[in-house]
Amino acid sequence: MNTIDLSIPVAQVIEEHPEVLDILVELGFTPLANPLMRQTLGKTVSLKQGAKMKGIDVGRIQSTLEWNGYDVIGGER
């Protein structure tokens, strides 16, 4: 299933869809490139929360993921 929920922890999103890691890093989630950060912070912070912390527009994340073929829930639309 190609559905990504922006309200679940980042680590869970990456576990279910490992291919999105590169997309998220390109969007500005650079700490996710570090496996330790994915295992610690990634287990408690959702994509939506991480976007707020990093100053990344949730709409941009949603649009990029949709453009890459994912159905996105928990976003702005």
PDB file of N, CA and C in Angstrom:
ATOM      1  N   MET A   1       0.842  -1.179   0.000  1.00  0.00           N
ATOM      2  CA  MET A   1       0.000   0.000   0.000  1.00  0.00           C
ATOM      3  C   MET A   1       0.889   1.244   0.000  1.00  0.00           C
ATOM      4  N   ASN A   2       0.561   2.208  -0.803  1.00  0.00           N
ATOM      5  CA  ASN A   2       1.381   3.407  -0.930  1.00  0.00           C
ATOM      6  C   ASN A   2       0.756   4.601  -0.238  1.00  0.00           C
ATOM      7  N   THR A   3       0.315   4.410   0.985  1.00  0.00           N
ATOM      8  CA  THR A   3      -0.265   5.501   1.759  1.00  0.00           C
ATOM      9  C   THR A   3       0.708   5.898   2.861  1.00  0.00           C
ATOM     10  N   ILE A   4       0.932   7.197   2.975  1.00  0.00           N
ATOM     11  CA  ILE A   4       1.802   7.725   4.021  1.00  0.00           C
ATOM     12  C   ILE A   4       0.979   8.662   4.890  1.00  0.00           C
ATOM     13  N   ASP A   5       1.011   8.399   6.181  1.00  0.00           N
ATOM     14  CA  ASP A   5       0.305   9.221   7.152  1.00  0.00           C
ATOM     15  C   ASP A   5       1.321  10.172   7.795  1.00  0.00           C
ATOM     16  N   LEU A   6       1.112  11.462   7.615  1.00  0.00           N
ATOM     17  CA  LEU A   6       2.051  12.453   8.131  1.00  0.00           C
ATOM     18  C   LEU A   6       2.007  12.594   9.648  1.00  0.00           C
ATOM     19  N   SER A   7       1.029  11.940  10.281  1.00  0.00           N
ATOM     20  CA  SER A   7       0.902  12.079  11.729  1.00  0.00           C
ATOM     21  C   SER A   7       1.522  10.916  12.509  1.00  0.00           C
ATOM     22  N   ILE A   8       2.097   9.930  11.812  1.00  0.00           N
ATOM     23  CA  ILE A   8       2.752   8.822  12.514  1.00  0.00           C
ATOM     24  C   ILE A   8       4.251   9.091  12.599  1.00  0.00           C
ATOM     25  N   PRO A   9       4.954   8.429  13.515  1.00  0.00           N
ATOM     26  CA  PRO A   9       6.397   8.681  13.659  1.00  0.00           C
ATOM     27  C   PRO A   9       7.180   8.443  12.359  1.00  0.00           C
ATOM     28  N   VAL A  10       8.163   9.282  12.143  1.00  0.00           N
ATOM     29  CA  VAL A  10       8.999   9.215  10.940  1.00  0.00           C
ATOM     30  C   VAL A  10       9.627   7.836  10.779  1.00  0.00           C
ATOM     31  N   ALA A  11      10.107   7.249  11.877  1.00  0.00           N
ATOM     32  CA  ALA A  11      10.753   5.934  11.802  1.00  0.00           C
ATOM     33  C   ALA A  11       9.786   4.888  11.254  1.00  0.00           C
ATOM     34  N   GLN A  12       8.521   4.992  11.613  1.00  0.00           N
ATOM     35  CA  GLN A  12       7.524   4.043  11.123  1.00  0.00           C
ATOM     36  C   GLN A  12       7.273   4.250   9.630  1.00  0.00           C
ATOM     37  N   VAL A  13       7.226   5.502   9.200  1.00  0.00           N
ATOM     38  CA  VAL A  13       7.056   5.800   7.769  1.00  0.00           C
ATOM     39  C   VAL A  13       8.208   5.182   6.980  1.00  0.00           C
ATOM     40  N   ILE A  14       9.435   5.378   7.466  1.00  0.00           N
ATOM     41  CA  ILE A  14      10.616   4.863   6.759  1.00  0.00           C
ATOM     42  C   ILE A  14      10.656   3.333   6.810  1.00  0.00           C
ATOM     43  N   GLU A  15      10.212   2.758   7.907  1.00  0.00           N
ATOM     44  CA  GLU A  15      10.169   1.302   8.005  1.00  0.00           C
ATOM     45  C   GLU A  15       9.195   0.724   6.985  1.00  0.00           C
ATOM     46  N   GLU A  16       8.047   1.370   6.821  1.00  0.00           N
ATOM     47  CA  GLU A  16       7.040   0.896   5.871  1.00  0.00           C
ATOM     48  C   GLU A  16       7.389   1.241   4.430  1.00  0.00           C
ATOM     49  N   HIS A  17       8.105   2.355   4.231  1.00  0.00           N
ATOM     50  CA  HIS A  17       8.463   2.839   2.887  1.00  0.00           C
ATOM     51  C   HIS A  17       9.917   3.300   2.885  1.00  0.00           C
ATOM     52  N   PRO A  18      10.881   2.377   2.928  1.00  0.00           N
ATOM     53  CA  PRO A  18      12.301   2.779   3.026  1.00  0.00           C
ATOM     54  C   PRO A  18      12.760   3.678   1.884  1.00  0.00           C
ATOM     55  N   GLU A  19      12.107   3.586   0.755  1.00  0.00           N
ATOM     56  CA  GLU A  19      12.498   4.377  -0.404  1.00  0.00           C
ATOM     57  C   GLU A  19      12.226   5.873  -0.220  1.00  0.00           C
ATOM     58  N   VAL A  20      11.397   6.268   0.749  1.00  0.00           N
ATOM     59  CA  VAL A  20      11.112   7.691   0.948  1.00  0.00           C
ATOM     60  C   VAL A  20      12.203   8.408   1.741  1.00  0.00           C
ATOM     61  N   LEU A  21      13.126   7.680   2.314  1.00  0.00           N
ATOM     62  CA  LEU A  21      14.198   8.306   3.092  1.00  0.00           C
ATOM     63  C   LEU A  21      14.932   9.359   2.272  1.00  0.00           C
ATOM     64  N   ASP A  22      15.335   9.015   1.062  1.00  0.00           N
ATOM     65  CA  ASP A  22      16.064   9.968   0.214  1.00  0.00           C
ATOM     66  C   ASP A  22      15.209  11.192  -0.105  1.00  0.00           C
ATOM     67  N   ILE A  23      13.925  10.980  -0.347  1.00  0.00           N
ATOM     68  CA  ILE A  23      13.015  12.089  -0.636  1.00  0.00           C
ATOM     69  C   ILE A  23      12.938  13.030   0.561  1.00  0.00           C
ATOM     70  N   LEU A  24      12.790  12.460   1.757  1.00  0.00           N
ATOM     71  CA  LEU A  24      12.670  13.271   2.962  1.00  0.00           C
ATOM     72  C   LEU A  24      13.953  14.056   3.241  1.00  0.00           C
ATOM     73  N   VAL A  25      15.100  13.425   3.030  1.00  0.00           N
ATOM     74  CA  VAL A  25      16.381  14.117   3.230  1.00  0.00           C
ATOM     75  C   VAL A  25      16.491  15.287   2.247  1.00  0.00           C
ATOM     76  N   GLU A  26      16.084  15.069   0.991  1.00  0.00           N
ATOM     77  CA  GLU A  26      16.128  16.135  -0.014  1.00  0.00           C
ATOM     78  C   GLU A  26      15.184  17.281   0.337  1.00  0.00           C
ATOM     79  N   LEU A  27      14.067  16.954   1.006  1.00  0.00           N
ATOM     80  CA  LEU A  27      13.109  17.981   1.407  1.00  0.00           C
ATOM     81  C   LEU A  27      13.608  18.826   2.587  1.00  0.00           C
ATOM     82  N   GLY A  28      14.683  18.385   3.236  1.00  0.00           N
ATOM     83  CA  GLY A  28      15.239  19.153   4.337  1.00  0.00           C
ATOM     84  C   GLY A  28      15.309  18.421   5.659  1.00  0.00           C
ATOM     85  N   PHE A  29      14.856  17.172   5.677  1.00  0.00           N
ATOM     86  CA  PHE A  29      14.954  16.370   6.896  1.00  0.00           C
ATOM     87  C   PHE A  29      16.340  15.733   6.973  1.00  0.00           C
ATOM     88  N   THR A  30      17.365  16.570   6.933  1.00  0.00           N
ATOM     89  CA  THR A  30      18.746  16.086   6.873  1.00  0.00           C
ATOM     90  C   THR A  30      19.166  15.223   8.062  1.00  0.00           C
ATOM     91  N   PRO A  31      18.636  15.437   9.278  1.00  0.00           N
ATOM     92  CA  PRO A  31      19.030  14.547  10.381  1.00  0.00           C
ATOM     93  C   PRO A  31      18.658  13.080  10.135  1.00  0.00           C
ATOM     94  N   LEU A  32      17.695  12.841   9.258  1.00  0.00           N
ATOM     95  CA  LEU A  32      17.295  11.457   8.977  1.00  0.00           C
ATOM     96  C   LEU A  32      18.374  10.672   8.247  1.00  0.00           C
ATOM     97  N   ALA A  33      19.346  11.356   7.682  1.00  0.00           N
ATOM     98  CA  ALA A  33      20.456  10.668   7.024  1.00  0.00           C
ATOM     99  C   ALA A  33      21.313   9.927   8.041  1.00  0.00           C
ATOM    100  N   ASN A  34      21.217  10.340   9.304  1.00  0.00           N
ATOM    101  CA  ASN A  34      21.963   9.711  10.387  1.00  0.00           C
ATOM    102  C   ASN A  34      21.109   8.593  11.003  1.00  0.00           C
ATOM    103  N   PRO A  35      21.536   7.331  10.906  1.00  0.00           N
ATOM    104  CA  PRO A  35      20.746   6.214  11.445  1.00  0.00           C
ATOM    105  C   PRO A  35      20.411   6.367  12.931  1.00  0.00           C
ATOM    106  N   LEU A  36      21.310   6.952  13.708  1.00  0.00           N
ATOM    107  CA  LEU A  36      21.053   7.142  15.130  1.00  0.00           C
ATOM    108  C   LEU A  36      19.874   8.104  15.352  1.00  0.00           C
ATOM    109  N   MET A  37      19.835   9.166  14.578  1.00  0.00           N
ATOM    110  CA  MET A  37      18.726  10.120  14.684  1.00  0.00           C
ATOM    111  C   MET A  37      17.400   9.471  14.288  1.00  0.00           C
ATOM    112  N   ARG A  38      17.440   8.631  13.250  1.00  0.00           N
ATOM    113  CA  ARG A  38      16.215   7.932  12.838  1.00  0.00           C
ATOM    114  C   ARG A  38      15.712   7.029  13.948  1.00  0.00           C
ATOM    115  N   GLN A  39      16.626   6.384  14.659  1.00  0.00           N
ATOM    116  CA  GLN A  39      16.247   5.442  15.707  1.00  0.00           C
ATOM    117  C   GLN A  39      15.817   6.120  17.001  1.00  0.00           C
ATOM    118  N   THR A  40      16.280   7.330  17.241  1.00  0.00           N
ATOM    119  CA  THR A  40      15.916   8.007  18.491  1.00  0.00           C
ATOM    120  C   THR A  40      14.768   8.980  18.258  1.00  0.00           C
ATOM    121  N   LEU A  41      15.062  10.092  17.654  1.00  0.00           N
ATOM    122  CA  LEU A  41      14.061  11.120  17.416  1.00  0.00           C
ATOM    123  C   LEU A  41      12.967  10.633  16.470  1.00  0.00           C
ATOM    124  N   GLY A  42      13.343   9.821  15.496  1.00  0.00           N
ATOM    125  CA  GLY A  42      12.393   9.333  14.503  1.00  0.00           C
ATOM    126  C   GLY A  42      11.288   8.469  15.072  1.00  0.00           C
ATOM    127  N   LYS A  43      11.511   7.894  16.235  1.00  0.00           N
ATOM    128  CA  LYS A  43      10.492   7.034  16.843  1.00  0.00           C
ATOM    129  C   LYS A  43       9.412   7.827  17.563  1.00  0.00           C
ATOM    130  N   THR A  44       9.667   9.099  17.835  1.00  0.00           N
ATOM    131  CA  THR A  44       8.692   9.890  18.587  1.00  0.00           C
ATOM    132  C   THR A  44       8.137  11.078  17.809  1.00  0.00           C
ATOM    133  N   VAL A  45       8.805  11.510  16.763  1.00  0.00           N
ATOM    134  CA  VAL A  45       8.402  12.703  16.023  1.00  0.00           C
ATOM    135  C   VAL A  45       7.742  12.305  14.702  1.00  0.00           C
ATOM    136  N   SER A  46       6.565  12.871  14.453  1.00  0.00           N
ATOM    137  CA  SER A  46       5.874  12.611  13.185  1.00  0.00           C
ATOM    138  C   SER A  46       6.460  13.499  12.089  1.00  0.00           C
ATOM    139  N   LEU A  47       6.124  13.196  10.854  1.00  0.00           N
ATOM    140  CA  LEU A  47       6.571  14.048   9.748  1.00  0.00           C
ATOM    141  C   LEU A  47       6.024  15.460   9.910  1.00  0.00           C
ATOM    142  N   LYS A  48       4.790  15.561  10.364  1.00  0.00           N
ATOM    143  CA  LYS A  48       4.175  16.873  10.556  1.00  0.00           C
ATOM    144  C   LYS A  48       4.915  17.667  11.642  1.00  0.00           C
ATOM    145  N   GLN A  49       5.247  17.016  12.759  1.00  0.00           N
ATOM    146  CA  GLN A  49       5.985  17.683  13.835  1.00  0.00           C
ATOM    147  C   GLN A  49       7.393  18.048  13.375  1.00  0.00           C
ATOM    148  N   GLY A  50       8.031  17.133  12.664  1.00  0.00           N
ATOM    149  CA  GLY A  50       9.384  17.382  12.157  1.00  0.00           C
ATOM    150  C   GLY A  50       9.412  18.549  11.184  1.00  0.00           C
ATOM    151  N   ALA A  51       8.371  18.642  10.363  1.00  0.00           N
ATOM    152  CA  ALA A  51       8.287  19.750   9.414  1.00  0.00           C
ATOM    153  C   ALA A  51       8.219  21.077  10.155  1.00  0.00           C
ATOM    154  N   LYS A  52       7.442  21.119  11.219  1.00  0.00           N
ATOM    155  CA  LYS A  52       7.326  22.345  12.007  1.00  0.00           C
ATOM    156  C   LYS A  52       8.670  22.694  12.645  1.00  0.00           C
ATOM    157  N   MET A  53       9.358  21.679  13.192  1.00  0.00           N
ATOM    158  CA  MET A  53      10.652  21.903  13.833  1.00  0.00           C
ATOM    159  C   MET A  53      11.705  22.400  12.844  1.00  0.00           C
ATOM    160  N   LYS A  54      11.674  21.884  11.611  1.00  0.00           N
ATOM    161  CA  LYS A  54      12.679  22.243  10.602  1.00  0.00           C
ATOM    162  C   LYS A  54      12.248  23.418   9.720  1.00  0.00           C
ATOM    163  N   GLY A  55      11.013  23.893   9.902  1.00  0.00           N
ATOM    164  CA  GLY A  55      10.525  25.012   9.088  1.00  0.00           C
ATOM    165  C   GLY A  55      10.230  24.620   7.655  1.00  0.00           C
ATOM    166  N   ILE A  56       9.774  23.386   7.460  1.00  0.00           N
ATOM    167  CA  ILE A  56       9.455  22.880   6.128  1.00  0.00           C
ATOM    168  C   ILE A  56       7.936  22.896   5.963  1.00  0.00           C
ATOM    169  N   ASP A  57       7.463  23.413   4.849  1.00  0.00           N
ATOM    170  CA  ASP A  57       6.037  23.503   4.570  1.00  0.00           C
ATOM    171  C   ASP A  57       5.432  22.104   4.399  1.00  0.00           C
ATOM    172  N   VAL A  58       4.406  21.801   5.194  1.00  0.00           N
ATOM    173  CA  VAL A  58       3.759  20.490   5.127  1.00  0.00           C
ATOM    174  C   VAL A  58       3.143  20.267   3.750  1.00  0.00           C
ATOM    175  N   GLY A  59       2.618  21.317   3.150  1.00  0.00           N
ATOM    176  CA  GLY A  59       2.048  21.206   1.806  1.00  0.00           C
ATOM    177  C   GLY A  59       3.086  20.778   0.784  1.00  0.00           C
ATOM    178  N   ARG A  60       4.301  21.259   0.939  1.00  0.00           N
ATOM    179  CA  ARG A  60       5.400  20.869   0.028  1.00  0.00           C
ATOM    180  C   ARG A  60       5.736  19.396   0.203  1.00  0.00           C
ATOM    181  N   ILE A  61       5.765  18.937   1.447  1.00  0.00           N
ATOM    182  CA  ILE A  61       6.019  17.509   1.706  1.00  0.00           C
ATOM    183  C   ILE A  61       4.929  16.671   1.068  1.00  0.00           C
ATOM    184  N   GLN A  62       3.688  17.064   1.314  1.00  0.00           N
ATOM    185  CA  GLN A  62       2.555  16.322   0.777  1.00  0.00           C
ATOM    186  C   GLN A  62       2.587  16.294  -0.747  1.00  0.00           C
ATOM    187  N   SER A  63       2.817  17.442  -1.372  1.00  0.00           N
ATOM    188  CA  SER A  63       2.868  17.508  -2.834  1.00  0.00           C
ATOM    189  C   SER A  63       3.983  16.643  -3.406  1.00  0.00           C
ATOM    190  N   THR A  64       5.151  16.701  -2.781  1.00  0.00           N
ATOM    191  CA  THR A  64       6.294  15.910  -3.263  1.00  0.00           C
ATOM    192  C   THR A  64       6.012  14.418  -3.149  1.00  0.00           C
ATOM    193  N   LEU A  65       5.466  13.995  -2.016  1.00  0.00           N
ATOM    194  CA  LEU A  65       5.153  12.573  -1.845  1.00  0.00           C
ATOM    195  C   LEU A  65       4.077  12.125  -2.831  1.00  0.00           C
ATOM    196  N   GLU A  66       3.064  12.971  -3.046  1.00  0.00           N
ATOM    197  CA  GLU A  66       2.011  12.631  -4.012  1.00  0.00           C
ATOM    198  C   GLU A  66       2.589  12.548  -5.416  1.00  0.00           C
ATOM    199  N   TRP A  67       3.481  13.468  -5.754  1.00  0.00           N
ATOM    200  CA  TRP A  67       4.114  13.454  -7.071  1.00  0.00           C
ATOM    201  C   TRP A  67       4.917  12.160  -7.272  1.00  0.00           C
ATOM    202  N   ASN A  68       5.441  11.615  -6.179  1.00  0.00           N
ATOM    203  CA  ASN A  68       6.203  10.373  -6.243  1.00  0.00           C
ATOM    204  C   ASN A  68       5.312   9.127  -6.117  1.00  0.00           C
ATOM    205  N   GLY A  69       4.007   9.305  -6.197  1.00  0.00           N
ATOM    206  CA  GLY A  69       3.088   8.171  -6.264  1.00  0.00           C
ATOM    207  C   GLY A  69       2.469   7.715  -4.962  1.00  0.00           C
ATOM    208  N   TYR A  70       2.554   8.511  -3.919  1.00  0.00           N
ATOM    209  CA  TYR A  70       1.995   8.132  -2.636  1.00  0.00           C
ATOM    210  C   TYR A  70       0.680   8.848  -2.369  1.00  0.00           C
ATOM    211  N   ASP A  71      -0.231   8.164  -1.695  1.00  0.00           N
ATOM    212  CA  ASP A  71      -1.424   8.799  -1.161  1.00  0.00           C
ATOM    213  C   ASP A  71      -1.026   9.302   0.219  1.00  0.00           C
ATOM    214  N   VAL A  72      -1.288  10.570   0.477  1.00  0.00           N
ATOM    215  CA  VAL A  72      -0.856  11.165   1.745  1.00  0.00           C
ATOM    216  C   VAL A  72      -2.086  11.529   2.573  1.00  0.00           C
ATOM    217  N   ILE A  73      -2.080  11.091   3.821  1.00  0.00           N
ATOM    218  CA  ILE A  73      -3.145  11.450   4.744  1.00  0.00           C
ATOM    219  C   ILE A  73      -2.535  12.184   5.940  1.00  0.00           C
ATOM    220  N   GLY A  74      -3.376  12.920   6.639  1.00  0.00           N
ATOM    221  CA  GLY A  74      -2.893  13.658   7.802  1.00  0.00           C
ATOM    222  C   GLY A  74      -2.198  14.946   7.459  1.00  0.00           C
ATOM    223  N   GLY A  75      -2.354  15.386   6.210  1.00  0.00           N
ATOM    224  CA  GLY A  75      -1.708  16.619   5.780  1.00  0.00           C
ATOM    225  C   GLY A  75      -2.659  17.786   5.787  1.00  0.00           C
ATOM    226  N   GLU A  76      -2.457  18.694   4.865  1.00  0.00           N
ATOM    227  CA  GLU A  76      -3.245  19.921   4.820  1.00  0.00           C
ATOM    228  C   GLU A  76      -4.499  19.798   3.978  1.00  0.00           C
ATOM    229  N   ARG A  77      -4.556  18.823   3.115  1.00  0.00           N
ATOM    230  CA  ARG A  77      -5.727  18.707   2.220  1.00  0.00           C
ATOM    231  C   ARG A  77      -6.613  17.580   2.647  1.00  0.00           C
TER     232      ARG A  77
END
